[in-house]
């Protein structure tokens, strides 16, 4: 049986982290998530590959244009 892909968005991550780290403010958690996502975006834009173990891999993929 294949593993099901579960949708997980930014607000779900923020909620999970705020429950796990109740001493941190929601603003700090959201700012931290934004910072991490921006670092991933910048790395991929620079043709680097980002791997987060147990989560996934982010990399740039060149797709040739369709011919009509």
N, C-alpha and C. Protein backbone atom coordinates (compact mmCIF):
# COMPACT_ATOMS: atom_id res chain seq x y z
N UNK A 1 0.84 -1.17 0.00
CA UNK A 1 0.00 0.00 0.00
C UNK A 1 0.89 1.25 0.00
N UNK A 2 0.53 2.21 -0.85
CA UNK A 2 1.31 3.44 -0.94
C UNK A 2 1.04 4.36 0.25
N UNK A 3 2.05 5.16 0.58
CA UNK A 3 1.86 6.17 1.61
C UNK A 3 0.97 7.27 1.06
N UNK A 4 -0.01 7.70 1.84
CA UNK A 4 -0.86 8.78 1.41
C UNK A 4 -0.16 10.10 1.67
N UNK A 5 -0.32 11.03 0.74
CA UNK A 5 0.25 12.35 0.91
C UNK A 5 -0.77 13.19 1.67
N UNK A 6 -0.32 13.77 2.76
CA UNK A 6 -1.19 14.62 3.57
C UNK A 6 -0.85 16.07 3.31
N UNK A 7 -1.86 16.87 3.06
CA UNK A 7 -1.63 18.30 2.87
C UNK A 7 -1.26 18.93 4.20
N UNK A 8 -0.25 19.76 4.17
CA UNK A 8 0.26 20.40 5.37
C UNK A 8 0.66 21.80 4.97
N UNK A 9 -0.03 22.81 5.47
CA UNK A 9 0.28 24.17 5.04
C UNK A 9 0.97 24.95 6.16
N UNK A 10 1.26 26.19 5.86
CA UNK A 10 2.02 27.03 6.78
C UNK A 10 1.29 27.25 8.10
N UNK A 11 -0.01 27.45 8.05
CA UNK A 11 -0.76 27.66 9.29
C UNK A 11 -0.82 26.39 10.14
N UNK A 12 -0.85 25.22 9.48
CA UNK A 12 -0.80 23.96 10.23
C UNK A 12 0.54 23.83 10.95
N UNK A 13 1.61 24.19 10.27
CA UNK A 13 2.94 24.13 10.87
C UNK A 13 3.04 25.09 12.05
N UNK A 14 2.52 26.30 11.87
CA UNK A 14 2.57 27.29 12.96
C UNK A 14 1.78 26.80 14.17
N UNK A 15 0.63 26.21 13.94
CA UNK A 15 -0.19 25.69 15.04
C UNK A 15 0.52 24.54 15.76
N UNK A 16 1.12 23.64 15.00
CA UNK A 16 1.85 22.53 15.59
C UNK A 16 3.02 23.02 16.45
N UNK A 17 3.77 23.99 15.92
CA UNK A 17 4.92 24.52 16.66
C UNK A 17 4.48 25.30 17.90
N UNK A 18 3.39 26.03 17.80
CA UNK A 18 2.93 26.80 18.97
C UNK A 18 2.45 25.88 20.09
N UNK A 19 1.91 24.72 19.72
CA UNK A 19 1.50 23.75 20.75
C UNK A 19 2.71 23.07 21.38
N UNK A 20 3.71 22.79 20.55
CA UNK A 20 4.90 22.10 21.05
C UNK A 20 5.79 23.04 21.86
N UNK A 21 5.89 24.29 21.43
CA UNK A 21 6.74 25.27 22.10
C UNK A 21 5.87 26.42 22.61
N UNK A 22 5.12 26.16 23.66
CA UNK A 22 4.15 27.13 24.16
C UNK A 22 4.81 28.40 24.72
N UNK A 23 6.09 28.33 25.02
CA UNK A 23 6.77 29.51 25.56
C UNK A 23 7.12 30.53 24.47
N UNK A 24 7.02 30.12 23.19
CA UNK A 24 7.33 31.03 22.09
C UNK A 24 6.07 31.75 21.63
N UNK A 25 6.22 33.00 21.26
CA UNK A 25 5.07 33.77 20.79
C UNK A 25 4.70 33.34 19.37
N UNK A 26 3.44 33.56 19.02
CA UNK A 26 2.98 33.23 17.66
C UNK A 26 3.74 34.06 16.62
N UNK A 27 4.04 35.30 16.96
CA UNK A 27 4.78 36.17 16.04
C UNK A 27 6.18 35.61 15.77
N UNK A 28 6.86 35.14 16.81
CA UNK A 28 8.19 34.58 16.64
C UNK A 28 8.14 33.30 15.79
N UNK A 29 7.14 32.48 16.03
CA UNK A 29 7.00 31.24 15.26
C UNK A 29 6.74 31.56 13.79
N UNK A 30 5.83 32.50 13.51
CA UNK A 30 5.53 32.86 12.12
C UNK A 30 6.73 33.50 11.43
N UNK A 31 7.46 34.36 12.15
CA UNK A 31 8.66 34.97 11.58
C UNK A 31 9.73 33.92 11.28
N UNK A 32 9.85 32.94 12.15
CA UNK A 32 10.83 31.86 11.94
C UNK A 32 10.48 31.01 10.72
N UNK A 33 9.20 30.69 10.58
CA UNK A 33 8.75 29.92 9.41
C UNK A 33 9.02 30.71 8.14
N UNK A 34 8.69 32.00 8.15
CA UNK A 34 8.94 32.85 6.98
C UNK A 34 10.42 32.88 6.62
N UNK A 35 11.28 32.99 7.62
CA UNK A 35 12.72 33.03 7.39
C UNK A 35 13.22 31.73 6.77
N UNK A 36 12.78 30.61 7.30
CA UNK A 36 13.20 29.31 6.77
C UNK A 36 12.72 29.13 5.33
N UNK A 37 11.47 29.48 5.07
CA UNK A 37 10.94 29.35 3.71
C UNK A 37 11.69 30.26 2.73
N UNK A 38 12.02 31.46 3.17
CA UNK A 38 12.77 32.37 2.30
C UNK A 38 14.16 31.83 2.00
N UNK A 39 14.80 31.20 2.98
CA UNK A 39 16.12 30.59 2.76
C UNK A 39 16.02 29.45 1.75
N UNK A 40 14.97 28.65 1.84
CA UNK A 40 14.77 27.56 0.88
C UNK A 40 14.55 28.13 -0.52
N UNK A 41 13.72 29.16 -0.63
CA UNK A 41 13.44 29.79 -1.92
C UNK A 41 14.72 30.36 -2.53
N UNK A 42 15.52 31.05 -1.72
CA UNK A 42 16.77 31.64 -2.22
C UNK A 42 17.76 30.56 -2.66
N UNK A 43 17.84 29.47 -1.93
CA UNK A 43 18.75 28.38 -2.29
C UNK A 43 18.34 27.74 -3.61
N UNK A 44 17.06 27.47 -3.77
CA UNK A 44 16.58 26.85 -5.01
C UNK A 44 16.75 27.81 -6.17
N UNK A 45 16.52 29.09 -5.95
CA UNK A 45 16.71 30.09 -7.00
C UNK A 45 18.17 30.16 -7.44
N UNK A 46 19.09 29.81 -6.54
CA UNK A 46 20.53 29.80 -6.86
C UNK A 46 20.99 28.44 -7.38
N UNK A 47 20.04 27.61 -7.79
CA UNK A 47 20.31 26.26 -8.33
C UNK A 47 20.87 25.30 -7.30
N UNK A 48 20.68 25.57 -6.02
CA UNK A 48 21.07 24.62 -4.98
C UNK A 48 19.91 23.65 -4.73
N UNK A 49 20.23 22.53 -4.15
CA UNK A 49 19.24 21.52 -3.80
C UNK A 49 19.10 21.53 -2.29
N UNK A 50 17.87 21.55 -1.80
CA UNK A 50 17.60 21.57 -0.36
C UNK A 50 16.88 20.28 0.00
N UNK A 51 17.46 19.52 0.93
CA UNK A 51 16.84 18.28 1.38
C UNK A 51 16.52 18.39 2.86
N UNK A 52 15.27 18.12 3.20
CA UNK A 52 14.85 18.08 4.60
C UNK A 52 14.47 16.64 4.87
N UNK A 53 15.30 15.96 5.63
CA UNK A 53 15.11 14.53 5.88
C UNK A 53 13.74 14.27 6.48
N UNK A 54 13.06 13.27 5.96
CA UNK A 54 11.74 12.91 6.44
C UNK A 54 10.63 13.81 5.91
N UNK A 55 11.00 14.80 5.08
CA UNK A 55 9.99 15.71 4.54
C UNK A 55 10.02 15.73 3.03
N UNK A 56 11.18 16.09 2.46
CA UNK A 56 11.24 16.16 1.01
C UNK A 56 12.46 16.91 0.52
N UNK A 57 12.52 17.03 -0.79
CA UNK A 57 13.63 17.69 -1.47
C UNK A 57 13.08 18.82 -2.33
N UNK A 58 13.75 19.95 -2.29
CA UNK A 58 13.40 21.09 -3.12
C UNK A 58 14.54 21.32 -4.11
N UNK A 59 14.21 21.40 -5.39
CA UNK A 59 15.23 21.69 -6.39
C UNK A 59 14.55 22.29 -7.61
N UNK A 60 15.35 22.97 -8.41
CA UNK A 60 14.84 23.59 -9.61
C UNK A 60 14.78 22.54 -10.72
N UNK A 61 13.71 22.56 -11.45
CA UNK A 61 13.55 21.62 -12.55
C UNK A 61 13.25 22.41 -13.81
N UNK A 62 14.07 22.22 -14.82
CA UNK A 62 13.85 22.90 -16.09
C UNK A 62 12.91 22.07 -16.94
N UNK A 63 11.84 22.69 -17.37
CA UNK A 63 10.86 22.02 -18.21
C UNK A 63 10.82 22.76 -19.54
N UNK A 64 10.98 22.00 -20.59
CA UNK A 64 10.97 22.66 -21.91
C UNK A 64 9.54 23.05 -22.27
N UNK A 65 9.40 24.10 -23.03
CA UNK A 65 8.07 24.58 -23.39
C UNK A 65 7.30 23.57 -24.25
N UNK A 66 6.01 23.62 -24.14
CA UNK A 66 5.17 22.76 -24.97
C UNK A 66 5.15 23.24 -26.40
N UNK A 67 5.01 22.30 -27.30
CA UNK A 67 4.86 22.64 -28.71
C UNK A 67 3.39 22.43 -29.07
N UNK A 68 2.78 23.46 -29.62
CA UNK A 68 1.37 23.36 -30.01
C UNK A 68 1.22 23.11 -31.46
